[in-house]
Amino acid sequence: EGALYAAIKGEAWAQFALKKICDTNRSKVKDPEKRDKLHPRYPVGAKRTLFSDDFYPAVDKSNVFLHEDGIKEICEMGIVNSDGSRIEVDTIIYATGFITNPL
């Protein structure tokens, strides 16, 4: 937690370390579209930081789909997107992160 706090506060060594961790994790995803979707668009510490050895390789599998668009509803067979298209699924992982208060 100390290193994460230091990175949030802008300490160069901590930001460098977190960038290396993120780059290493992203290198585990071969699909450039998925890799781009996994790249954070928010400052360090704004959402939960994931340190994992198996998450990124699991996401890189061909049977895994990352959905970023709006969901209209969840039905018996899967998901109805905001544009009306449907995606049949076996499993839905609802991972939105969380909102933190500024330090």
PDB file of N, CA and C in Angstrom:
ATOM      1  N   GLU A   1       0.815  -1.196   0.000  1.00  0.00           N
ATOM      2  CA  GLU A   1       0.000   0.000   0.000  1.00  0.00           C
ATOM      3  C   GLU A   1       0.856   1.256   0.000  1.00  0.00           C
ATOM      4  N   GLY A   2       2.007   1.183   0.646  1.00  0.00           N
ATOM      5  CA  GLY A   2       2.870   2.353   0.709  1.00  0.00           C
ATOM      6  C   GLY A   2       3.342   2.794  -0.660  1.00  0.00           C
ATOM      7  N   ALA A   3       3.706   1.820  -1.510  1.00  0.00           N
ATOM      8  CA  ALA A   3       4.168   2.151  -2.864  1.00  0.00           C
ATOM      9  C   ALA A   3       3.026   2.719  -3.690  1.00  0.00           C
ATOM     10  N   LEU A   4       1.825   2.173  -3.527  1.00  0.00           N
ATOM     11  CA  LEU A   4       0.669   2.688  -4.262  1.00  0.00           C
ATOM     12  C   LEU A   4       0.376   4.120  -3.838  1.00  0.00           C
ATOM     13  N   TYR A   5       0.416   4.394  -2.539  1.00  0.00           N
ATOM     14  CA  TYR A   5       0.196   5.745  -2.041  1.00  0.00           C
ATOM     15  C   TYR A   5       1.254   6.701  -2.591  1.00  0.00           C
ATOM     16  N   ALA A   6       2.511   6.246  -2.636  1.00  0.00           N
ATOM     17  CA  ALA A   6       3.593   7.075  -3.169  1.00  0.00           C
ATOM     18  C   ALA A   6       3.351   7.380  -4.646  1.00  0.00           C
ATOM     19  N   ALA A   7       2.857   6.407  -5.396  1.00  0.00           N
ATOM     20  CA  ALA A   7       2.572   6.625  -6.823  1.00  0.00           C
ATOM     21  C   ALA A   7       1.438   7.619  -7.003  1.00  0.00           C
ATOM     22  N   ILE A   8       0.418   7.502  -6.157  1.00  0.00           N
ATOM     23  CA  ILE A   8      -0.713   8.430  -6.233  1.00  0.00           C
ATOM     24  C   ILE A   8      -0.241   9.850  -5.965  1.00  0.00           C
ATOM     25  N   LYS A   9       0.675   9.989  -5.031  1.00  0.00           N
ATOM     26  CA  LYS A   9       1.205  11.308  -4.678  1.00  0.00           C
ATOM     27  C   LYS A   9       2.214  11.825  -5.701  1.00  0.00           C
ATOM     28  N   GLY A  10       2.560  10.993  -6.692  1.00  0.00           N
ATOM     29  CA  GLY A  10       3.419  11.466  -7.775  1.00  0.00           C
ATOM     30  C   GLY A  10       4.898  11.182  -7.621  1.00  0.00           C
ATOM     31  N   GLU A  11       5.283  10.333  -6.681  1.00  0.00           N
ATOM     32  CA  GLU A  11       6.697  10.016  -6.519  1.00  0.00           C
ATOM     33  C   GLU A  11       7.164   9.205  -7.729  1.00  0.00           C
ATOM     34  N   ALA A  12       8.212   9.682  -8.362  1.00  0.00           N
ATOM     35  CA  ALA A  12       8.674   9.119  -9.636  1.00  0.00           C
ATOM     36  C   ALA A  12       9.014   7.641  -9.543  1.00  0.00           C
ATOM     37  N   TRP A  13       9.703   7.218  -8.487  1.00  0.00           N
ATOM     38  CA  TRP A  13      10.106   5.815  -8.373  1.00  0.00           C
ATOM     39  C   TRP A  13       8.891   4.907  -8.327  1.00  0.00           C
ATOM     40  N   ALA A  14       7.843   5.331  -7.617  1.00  0.00           N
ATOM     41  CA  ALA A  14       6.643   4.506  -7.476  1.00  0.00           C
ATOM     42  C   ALA A  14       5.844   4.479  -8.780  1.00  0.00           C
ATOM     43  N   GLN A  15       5.773   5.615  -9.454  1.00  0.00           N
ATOM     44  CA  GLN A  15       5.079   5.651 -10.741  1.00  0.00           C
ATOM     45  C   GLN A  15       5.800   4.760 -11.754  1.00  0.00           C
ATOM     46  N   PHE A  16       7.137   4.780 -11.729  1.00  0.00           N
ATOM     47  CA  PHE A  16       7.923   3.934 -12.623  1.00  0.00           C
ATOM     48  C   PHE A  16       7.641   2.460 -12.341  1.00  0.00           C
ATOM     49  N   ALA A  17       7.636   2.083 -11.066  1.00  0.00           N
ATOM     50  CA  ALA A  17       7.393   0.689 -10.688  1.00  0.00           C
ATOM     51  C   ALA A  17       6.006   0.240 -11.136  1.00  0.00           C
ATOM     52  N   LEU A  18       4.998   1.061 -10.917  1.00  0.00           N
ATOM     53  CA  LEU A  18       3.641   0.697 -11.327  1.00  0.00           C
ATOM     54  C   LEU A  18       3.517   0.612 -12.843  1.00  0.00           C
ATOM     55  N   LYS A  19       4.210   1.491 -13.561  1.00  0.00           N
ATOM     56  CA  LYS A  19       4.189   1.426 -15.023  1.00  0.00           C
ATOM     57  C   LYS A  19       4.803   0.114 -15.500  1.00  0.00           C
ATOM     58  N   LYS A  20       5.901  -0.307 -14.876  1.00  0.00           N
ATOM     59  CA  LYS A  20       6.532  -1.575 -15.260  1.00  0.00           C
ATOM     60  C   LYS A  20       5.591  -2.754 -14.991  1.00  0.00           C
ATOM     61  N   ILE A  21       4.890  -2.712 -13.873  1.00  0.00           N
ATOM     62  CA  ILE A  21       3.940  -3.786 -13.553  1.00  0.00           C
ATOM     63  C   ILE A  21       2.823  -3.812 -14.590  1.00  0.00           C
ATOM     64  N   CYS A  22       2.279  -2.648 -14.915  1.00  0.00           N
ATOM     65  CA  CYS A  22       1.199  -2.567 -15.917  1.00  0.00           C
ATOM     66  C   CYS A  22       1.685  -3.043 -17.280  1.00  0.00           C
ATOM     67  N   ASP A  23       2.876  -2.614 -17.680  1.00  0.00           N
ATOM     68  CA  ASP A  23       3.426  -3.032 -18.975  1.00  0.00           C
ATOM     69  C   ASP A  23       3.627  -4.544 -19.021  1.00  0.00           C
ATOM     70  N   THR A  24       4.119  -5.113 -17.930  1.00  0.00           N
ATOM     71  CA  THR A  24       4.326  -6.562 -17.873  1.00  0.00           C
ATOM     72  C   THR A  24       3.000  -7.292 -17.990  1.00  0.00           C
ATOM     73  N   ASN A  25       1.992  -6.828 -17.254  1.00  0.00           N
ATOM     74  CA  ASN A  25       0.679  -7.463 -17.324  1.00  0.00           C
ATOM     75  C   ASN A  25       0.086  -7.356 -18.722  1.00  0.00           C
ATOM     76  N   ARG A  26       0.168  -6.181 -19.316  1.00  0.00           N
ATOM     77  CA  ARG A  26      -0.405  -5.982 -20.652  1.00  0.00           C
ATOM     78  C   ARG A  26       0.329  -6.822 -21.695  1.00  0.00           C
ATOM     79  N   SER A  27       1.615  -7.089 -21.490  1.00  0.00           N
ATOM     80  CA  SER A  27       2.369  -7.893 -22.457  1.00  0.00           C
ATOM     81  C   SER A  27       1.877  -9.340 -22.489  1.00  0.00           C
ATOM     82  N   LYS A  28       1.137  -9.757 -21.481  1.00  0.00           N
ATOM     83  CA  LYS A  28       0.592 -11.113 -21.422  1.00  0.00           C
ATOM     84  C   LYS A  28      -0.643 -11.270 -22.297  1.00  0.00           C
ATOM     85  N   VAL A  29      -1.159 -10.158 -22.835  1.00  0.00           N
ATOM     86  CA  VAL A  29      -2.349 -10.187 -23.692  1.00  0.00           C
ATOM     87  C   VAL A  29      -1.897  -9.927 -25.126  1.00  0.00           C
ATOM     88  N   LYS A  30      -2.003 -10.929 -25.978  1.00  0.00           N
ATOM     89  CA  LYS A  30      -1.523 -10.819 -27.358  1.00  0.00           C
ATOM     90  C   LYS A  30      -2.485 -10.045 -28.255  1.00  0.00           C
ATOM     91  N   ASP A  31      -3.772 -10.139 -27.981  1.00  0.00           N
ATOM     92  CA  ASP A  31      -4.784  -9.472 -28.802  1.00  0.00           C
ATOM     93  C   ASP A  31      -4.712  -7.962 -28.551  1.00  0.00           C
ATOM     94  N   PRO A  32      -4.343  -7.151 -29.572  1.00  0.00           N
ATOM     95  CA  PRO A  32      -4.174  -5.711 -29.358  1.00  0.00           C
ATOM     96  C   PRO A  32      -5.468  -5.003 -28.944  1.00  0.00           C
ATOM     97  N   GLU A  33      -6.615  -5.473 -29.420  1.00  0.00           N
ATOM     98  CA  GLU A  33      -7.890  -4.848 -29.038  1.00  0.00           C
ATOM     99  C   GLU A  33      -8.183  -5.075 -27.550  1.00  0.00           C
ATOM    100  N   LYS A  34      -7.980  -6.291 -27.098  1.00  0.00           N
ATOM    101  CA  LYS A  34      -8.180  -6.577 -25.670  1.00  0.00           C
ATOM    102  C   LYS A  34      -7.165  -5.818 -24.823  1.00  0.00           C
ATOM    103  N   ARG A  35      -5.914  -5.793 -25.298  1.00  0.00           N
ATOM    104  CA  ARG A  35      -4.851  -5.097 -24.561  1.00  0.00           C
ATOM    105  C   ARG A  35      -5.211  -3.620 -24.391  1.00  0.00           C
ATOM    106  N   ASP A  36      -5.746  -3.006 -25.448  1.00  0.00           N
ATOM    107  CA  ASP A  36      -6.147  -1.609 -25.375  1.00  0.00           C
ATOM    108  C   ASP A  36      -7.295  -1.408 -24.391  1.00  0.00           C
ATOM    109  N   LYS A  37      -8.260  -2.330 -24.395  1.00  0.00           N
ATOM    110  CA  LYS A  37      -9.392  -2.222 -23.473  1.00  0.00           C
ATOM    111  C   LYS A  37      -8.954  -2.347 -22.019  1.00  0.00           C
ATOM    112  N   LEU A  38      -7.878  -3.084 -21.781  1.00  0.00           N
ATOM    113  CA  LEU A  38      -7.395  -3.294 -20.415  1.00  0.00           C
ATOM    114  C   LEU A  38      -6.521  -2.152 -19.911  1.00  0.00           C
ATOM    115  N   HIS A  39      -6.135  -1.255 -20.812  1.00  0.00           N
ATOM    116  CA  HIS A  39      -5.269  -0.139 -20.411  1.00  0.00           C
ATOM    117  C   HIS A  39      -6.091   0.893 -19.639  1.00  0.00           C
ATOM    118  N   PRO A  40      -5.711   1.191 -18.402  1.00  0.00           N
ATOM    119  CA  PRO A  40      -6.492   2.146 -17.594  1.00  0.00           C
ATOM    120  C   PRO A  40      -6.549   3.535 -18.223  1.00  0.00           C
ATOM    121  N   ARG A  41      -7.688   4.161 -18.129  1.00  0.00           N
ATOM    122  CA  ARG A  41      -7.897   5.525 -18.616  1.00  0.00           C
ATOM    123  C   ARG A  41      -8.173   6.466 -17.440  1.00  0.00           C
ATOM    124  N   TYR A  42      -7.579   6.135 -16.304  1.00  0.00           N
ATOM    125  CA  TYR A  42      -7.783   6.899 -15.083  1.00  0.00           C
ATOM    126  C   TYR A  42      -6.463   6.899 -14.306  1.00  0.00           C
ATOM    127  N   PRO A  43      -6.303   7.822 -13.379  1.00  0.00           N
ATOM    128  CA  PRO A  43      -5.029   7.896 -12.648  1.00  0.00           C
ATOM    129  C   PRO A  43      -4.822   6.704 -11.715  1.00  0.00           C
ATOM    130  N   VAL A  44      -3.564   6.426 -11.415  1.00  0.00           N
ATOM    131  CA  VAL A  44      -3.210   5.351 -10.492  1.00  0.00           C
ATOM    132  C   VAL A  44      -3.924   5.568  -9.167  1.00  0.00           C
ATOM    133  N   GLY A  45      -4.558   4.514  -8.666  1.00  0.00           N
ATOM    134  CA  GLY A  45      -5.237   4.580  -7.382  1.00  0.00           C
ATOM    135  C   GLY A  45      -6.695   4.980  -7.466  1.00  0.00           C
ATOM    136  N   ALA A  46      -7.155   5.411  -8.656  1.00  0.00           N
ATOM    137  CA  ALA A  46      -8.555   5.815  -8.781  1.00  0.00           C
ATOM    138  C   ALA A  46      -9.490   4.617  -8.706  1.00  0.00           C
ATOM    139  N   LYS A  47      -8.977   3.457  -9.106  1.00  0.00           N
ATOM    140  CA  LYS A  47      -9.729   2.208  -9.010  1.00  0.00           C
ATOM    141  C   LYS A  47      -8.799   1.143  -8.463  1.00  0.00           C
ATOM    142  N   ARG A  48      -9.376   0.033  -8.115  1.00  0.00           N
ATOM    143  CA  ARG A  48      -8.596  -1.065  -7.544  1.00  0.00           C
ATOM    144  C   ARG A  48      -7.496  -1.513  -8.498  1.00  0.00           C
ATOM    145  N   THR A  49      -6.280  -1.637  -7.991  1.00  0.00           N
ATOM    146  CA  THR A  49      -5.150  -2.095  -8.782  1.00  0.00           C
ATOM    147  C   THR A  49      -5.109  -3.618  -8.733  1.00  0.00           C
ATOM    148  N   LEU A  50      -4.961  -4.247  -9.880  1.00  0.00           N
ATOM    149  CA  LEU A  50      -4.945  -5.701  -9.958  1.00  0.00           C
ATOM    150  C   LEU A  50      -3.525  -6.199 -10.115  1.00  0.00           C
ATOM    151  N   PHE A  51      -3.074  -6.977  -9.151  1.00  0.00           N
ATOM    152  CA  PHE A  51      -1.787  -7.647  -9.229  1.00  0.00           C
ATOM    153  C   PHE A  51      -2.098  -9.141  -9.300  1.00  0.00           C
ATOM    154  N   SER A  52      -1.932  -9.727 -10.475  1.00  0.00           N
ATOM    155  CA  SER A  52      -2.331 -11.111 -10.671  1.00  0.00           C
ATOM    156  C   SER A  52      -1.425 -11.784 -11.698  1.00  0.00           C
ATOM    157  N   ASP A  53      -1.163 -13.064 -11.492  1.00  0.00           N
ATOM    158  CA  ASP A  53      -0.373 -13.830 -12.456  1.00  0.00           C
ATOM    159  C   ASP A  53      -1.242 -14.522 -13.497  1.00  0.00           C
ATOM    160  N   ASP A  54      -2.541 -14.670 -13.207  1.00  0.00           N
ATOM    161  CA  ASP A  54      -3.369 -15.453 -14.114  1.00  0.00           C
ATOM    162  C   ASP A  54      -4.518 -14.689 -14.763  1.00  0.00           C
ATOM    163  N   PHE A  55      -4.820 -13.488 -14.320  1.00  0.00           N
ATOM    164  CA  PHE A  55      -5.938 -12.739 -14.895  1.00  0.00           C
ATOM    165  C   PHE A  55      -5.700 -12.405 -16.368  1.00  0.00           C
ATOM    166  N   TYR A  56      -4.573 -11.808 -16.679  1.00  0.00           N
ATOM    167  CA  TYR A  56      -4.309 -11.365 -18.051  1.00  0.00           C
ATOM    168  C   TYR A  56      -4.204 -12.529 -19.042  1.00  0.00           C
ATOM    169  N   PRO A  57      -3.491 -13.614 -18.704  1.00  0.00           N
ATOM    170  CA  PRO A  57      -3.507 -14.754 -19.628  1.00  0.00           C
ATOM    171  C   PRO A  57      -4.917 -15.339 -19.818  1.00  0.00           C
ATOM    172  N   ALA A  58      -5.741 -15.308 -18.777  1.00  0.00           N
ATOM    173  CA  ALA A  58      -7.119 -15.811 -18.905  1.00  0.00           C
ATOM    174  C   ALA A  58      -7.926 -14.929 -19.844  1.00  0.00           C
ATOM    175  N   VAL A  59      -7.759 -13.620 -19.744  1.00  0.00           N
ATOM    176  CA  VAL A  59      -8.477 -12.688 -20.616  1.00  0.00           C
ATOM    177  C   VAL A  59      -8.034 -12.849 -22.069  1.00  0.00           C
ATOM    178  N   ASP A  60      -6.801 -13.261 -22.278  1.00  0.00           N
ATOM    179  CA  ASP A  60      -6.259 -13.396 -23.624  1.00  0.00           C
ATOM    180  C   ASP A  60      -6.804 -14.615 -24.379  1.00  0.00           C
ATOM    181  N   LYS A  61      -7.530 -15.487 -23.696  1.00  0.00           N
ATOM    182  CA  LYS A  61      -8.066 -16.684 -24.356  1.00  0.00           C
ATOM    183  C   LYS A  61      -9.117 -16.300 -25.396  1.00  0.00           C
ATOM    184  N   SER A  62      -9.215 -17.116 -26.427  1.00  0.00           N
ATOM    185  CA  SER A  62     -10.125 -16.806 -27.548  1.00  0.00           C
ATOM    186  C   SER A  62     -11.598 -16.867 -27.159  1.00  0.00           C
ATOM    187  N   ASN A  63     -11.939 -17.558 -26.083  1.00  0.00           N
ATOM    188  CA  ASN A  63     -13.340 -17.653 -25.680  1.00  0.00           C
ATOM    189  C   ASN A  63     -13.738 -16.596 -24.652  1.00  0.00           C
ATOM    190  N   VAL A  64     -12.870 -15.603 -24.441  1.00  0.00           N
ATOM    191  CA  VAL A  64     -13.159 -14.515 -23.499  1.00  0.00           C
ATOM    192  C   VAL A  64     -13.426 -13.242 -24.281  1.00  0.00           C
ATOM    193  N   PHE A  65     -14.523 -12.556 -23.934  1.00  0.00           N
ATOM    194  CA  PHE A  65     -14.934 -11.327 -24.612  1.00  0.00           C
ATOM    195  C   PHE A  65     -15.022 -10.210 -23.586  1.00  0.00           C
ATOM    196  N   LEU A  66     -14.382  -9.082 -23.865  1.00  0.00           N
ATOM    197  CA  LEU A  66     -14.467  -7.912 -22.985  1.00  0.00           C
ATOM    198  C   LEU A  66     -15.515  -6.957 -23.552  1.00  0.00           C
ATOM    199  N   HIS A  67     -16.567  -6.735 -22.805  1.00  0.00           N
ATOM    200  CA  HIS A  67     -17.666  -5.886 -23.261  1.00  0.00           C
ATOM    201  C   HIS A  67     -17.606  -4.556 -22.519  1.00  0.00           C
ATOM    202  N   GLU A  68     -17.479  -3.465 -23.248  1.00  0.00           N
ATOM    203  CA  GLU A  68     -17.384  -2.137 -22.625  1.00  0.00           C
ATOM    204  C   GLU A  68     -18.611  -1.274 -22.888  1.00  0.00           C
ATOM    205  N   ASP A  69     -19.458  -1.687 -23.813  1.00  0.00           N
ATOM    206  CA  ASP A  69     -20.602  -0.861 -24.194  1.00  0.00           C
ATOM    207  C   ASP A  69     -21.744  -1.032 -23.200  1.00  0.00           C
ATOM    208  N   GLY A  70     -22.764  -0.212 -23.370  1.00  0.00           N
ATOM    209  CA  GLY A  70     -23.899  -0.246 -22.459  1.00  0.00           C
ATOM    210  C   GLY A  70     -24.705  -1.535 -22.566  1.00  0.00           C
ATOM    211  N   ILE A  71     -25.206  -1.978 -21.431  1.00  0.00           N
ATOM    212  CA  ILE A  71     -26.066  -3.156 -21.368  1.00  0.00           C
ATOM    213  C   ILE A  71     -27.483  -2.691 -21.084  1.00  0.00           C
ATOM    214  N   LYS A  72     -28.410  -3.100 -21.919  1.00  0.00           N
ATOM    215  CA  LYS A  72     -29.818  -2.756 -21.733  1.00  0.00           C
ATOM    216  C   LYS A  72     -30.449  -3.667 -20.684  1.00  0.00           C
ATOM    217  N   GLU A  73     -30.169  -4.988 -20.822  1.00  0.00           N
ATOM    218  CA  GLU A  73     -30.722  -5.934 -19.856  1.00  0.00           C
ATOM    219  C   GLU A  73     -29.958  -7.249 -19.903  1.00  0.00           C
ATOM    220  N   ILE A  74     -30.138  -8.016 -18.860  1.00  0.00           N
ATOM    221  CA  ILE A  74     -29.611  -9.371 -18.810  1.00  0.00           C
ATOM    222  C   ILE A  74     -30.816 -10.295 -18.869  1.00  0.00           C
ATOM    223  N   CYS A  75     -30.798 -11.200 -19.844  1.00  0.00           N
ATOM    224  CA  CYS A  75     -31.921 -12.110 -20.027  1.00  0.00           C
ATOM    225  C   CYS A  75     -31.460 -13.550 -19.792  1.00  0.00           C
ATOM    226  N   GLU A  76     -32.361 -14.488 -19.943  1.00  0.00           N
ATOM    227  CA  GLU A  76     -32.064 -15.892 -19.673  1.00  0.00           C
ATOM    228  C   GLU A  76     -30.894 -16.419 -20.495  1.00  0.00           C
ATOM    229  N   MET A  77     -30.766 -15.988 -21.720  1.00  0.00           N
ATOM    230  CA  MET A  77     -29.727 -16.504 -22.608  1.00  0.00           C
ATOM    231  C   MET A  77     -28.445 -15.671 -22.610  1.00  0.00           C
ATOM    232  N   GLY A  78     -28.463 -14.505 -21.999  1.00  0.00           N
ATOM    233  CA  GLY A  78     -27.250 -13.693 -21.998  1.00  0.00           C
ATOM    234  C   GLY A  78     -27.524 -12.221 -21.804  1.00  0.00           C
ATOM    235  N   ILE A  79     -26.948 -11.420 -22.680  1.00  0.00           N
ATOM    236  CA  ILE A  79     -26.977  -9.965 -22.540  1.00  0.00           C
ATOM    237  C   ILE A  79     -27.635  -9.328 -23.758  1.00  0.00           C
ATOM    238  N   VAL A  80     -28.471  -8.311 -23.503  1.00  0.00           N
ATOM    239  CA  VAL A  80     -29.001  -7.471 -24.568  1.00  0.00           C
ATOM    240  C   VAL A  80     -28.288  -6.135 -24.446  1.00  0.00           C
ATOM    241  N   ASN A  81     -27.546  -5.767 -25.479  1.00  0.00           N
ATOM    242  CA  ASN A  81     -26.777  -4.523 -25.470  1.00  0.00           C
ATOM    243  C   ASN A  81     -27.689  -3.317 -25.673  1.00  0.00           C
ATOM    244  N   SER A  82     -27.150  -2.158 -25.383  1.00  0.00           N
ATOM    245  CA  SER A  82     -27.922  -0.925 -25.531  1.00  0.00           C
ATOM    246  C   SER A  82     -28.341  -0.677 -26.974  1.00  0.00           C
ATOM    247  N   ASP A  83     -27.618  -1.260 -27.947  1.00  0.00           N
ATOM    248  CA  ASP A  83     -27.993  -1.103 -29.356  1.00  0.00           C
ATOM    249  C   ASP A  83     -28.985  -2.178 -29.819  1.00  0.00           C
ATOM    250  N   GLY A  84     -29.408  -3.071 -28.889  1.00  0.00           N
ATOM    251  CA  GLY A  84     -30.374  -4.112 -29.217  1.00  0.00           C
ATOM    252  C   GLY A  84     -29.757  -5.438 -29.612  1.00  0.00           C
ATOM    253  N   SER A  85     -28.459  -5.473 -29.879  1.00  0.00           N
ATOM    254  CA  SER A  85     -27.807  -6.745 -30.229  1.00  0.00           C
ATOM    255  C   SER A  85     -27.746  -7.634 -28.988  1.00  0.00           C
ATOM    256  N   ARG A  86     -27.648  -8.937 -29.235  1.00  0.00           N
ATOM    257  CA  ARG A  86     -27.628  -9.908 -28.139  1.00  0.00           C
ATOM    258  C   ARG A  86     -26.326 -10.699 -28.160  1.00  0.00           C
ATOM    259  N   ILE A  87     -25.876 -11.044 -26.969  1.00  0.00           N
ATOM    260  CA  ILE A  87     -24.703 -11.890 -26.817  1.00  0.00           C
ATOM    261  C   ILE A  87     -25.114 -13.055 -25.920  1.00  0.00           C
ATOM    262  N   GLU A  88     -25.037 -14.271 -26.453  1.00  0.00           N
ATOM    263  CA  GLU A  88     -25.325 -15.451 -25.641  1.00  0.00           C
ATOM    264  C   GLU A  88     -24.090 -15.775 -24.813  1.00  0.00           C
ATOM    265  N   VAL A  89     -24.288 -15.979 -23.522  1.00  0.00           N
ATOM    266  CA  VAL A  89     -23.162 -16.242 -22.631  1.00  0.00           C
ATOM    267  C   VAL A  89     -23.509 -17.346 -21.636  1.00  0.00           C
ATOM    268  N   ASP A  90     -22.471 -17.984 -21.129  1.00  0.00           N
ATOM    269  CA  ASP A  90     -22.612 -18.949 -20.040  1.00  0.00           C
ATOM    270  C   ASP A  90     -22.363 -18.272 -18.697  1.00  0.00           C
ATOM    271  N   THR A  91     -21.443 -17.312 -18.716  1.00  0.00           N
ATOM    272  CA  THR A  91     -21.033 -16.654 -17.475  1.00  0.00           C
ATOM    273  C   THR A  91     -20.870 -15.165 -17.717  1.00  0.00           C
ATOM    274  N   ILE A  92     -21.298 -14.361 -16.754  1.00  0.00           N
ATOM    275  CA  ILE A  92     -21.096 -12.911 -16.799  1.00  0.00           C
ATOM    276  C   ILE A  92     -20.277 -12.533 -15.574  1.00  0.00           C
ATOM    277  N   ILE A  93     -19.175 -11.827 -15.805  1.00  0.00           N
ATOM    278  CA  ILE A  93     -18.384 -11.313 -14.692  1.00  0.00           C
ATOM    279  C   ILE A  93     -18.610  -9.810 -14.648  1.00  0.00           C
ATOM    280  N   TYR A  94     -19.241  -9.367 -13.593  1.00  0.00           N
ATOM    281  CA  TYR A  94     -19.595  -7.965 -13.428  1.00  0.00           C
ATOM    282  C   TYR A  94     -18.487  -7.298 -12.623  1.00  0.00           C
ATOM    283  N   ALA A  95     -17.559  -6.664 -13.330  1.00  0.00           N
ATOM    284  CA  ALA A  95     -16.387  -6.089 -12.664  1.00  0.00           C
ATOM    285  C   ALA A  95     -16.298  -4.607 -12.996  1.00  0.00           C
ATOM    286  N   THR A  96     -16.839  -3.790 -12.140  1.00  0.00           N
ATOM    287  CA  THR A  96     -16.876  -2.356 -12.413  1.00  0.00           C
ATOM    288  C   THR A  96     -15.818  -1.562 -11.665  1.00  0.00           C
ATOM    289  N   GLY A  97     -15.120  -2.187 -10.734  1.00  0.00           N
ATOM    290  CA  GLY A  97     -14.182  -1.420  -9.922  1.00  0.00           C
ATOM    291  C   GLY A  97     -14.938  -0.687  -8.829  1.00  0.00           C
ATOM    292  N   PHE A  98     -14.356   0.383  -8.342  1.00  0.00           N
ATOM    293  CA  PHE A  98     -15.011   1.154  -7.302  1.00  0.00           C
ATOM    294  C   PHE A  98     -14.513   2.585  -7.345  1.00  0.00           C
ATOM    295  N   ILE A  99     -15.261   3.467  -6.734  1.00  0.00           N
ATOM    296  CA  ILE A  99     -14.898   4.886  -6.699  1.00  0.00           C
ATOM    297  C   ILE A  99     -14.227   5.163  -5.350  1.00  0.00           C
ATOM    298  N   THR A 100     -13.113   5.876  -5.398  1.00  0.00           N
ATOM    299  CA  THR A 100     -12.432   6.226  -4.164  1.00  0.00           C
ATOM    300  C   THR A 100     -12.561   7.733  -3.926  1.00  0.00           C
ATOM    301  N   ASN A 101     -12.328   8.111  -2.708  1.00  0.00           N
ATOM    302  CA  ASN A 101     -12.298   9.530  -2.369  1.00  0.00           C
ATOM    303  C   ASN A 101     -10.884  10.046  -2.583  1.00  0.00           C
ATOM    304  N   PRO A 102     -10.745  11.314  -3.003  1.00  0.00           N
ATOM    305  CA  PRO A 102      -9.395  11.867  -3.174  1.00  0.00           C
ATOM    306  C   PRO A 102      -8.644  11.881  -1.844  1.00  0.00           C
ATOM    307  N   LEU A 103      -7.337  11.665  -1.917  1.00  0.00           N
ATOM    308  CA  LEU A 103      -6.522  11.674  -0.700  1.00  0.00           C
ATOM    309  C   LEU A 103      -6.268  13.073  -0.231  1.00  0.00           C
TER     310      LEU A 103
END
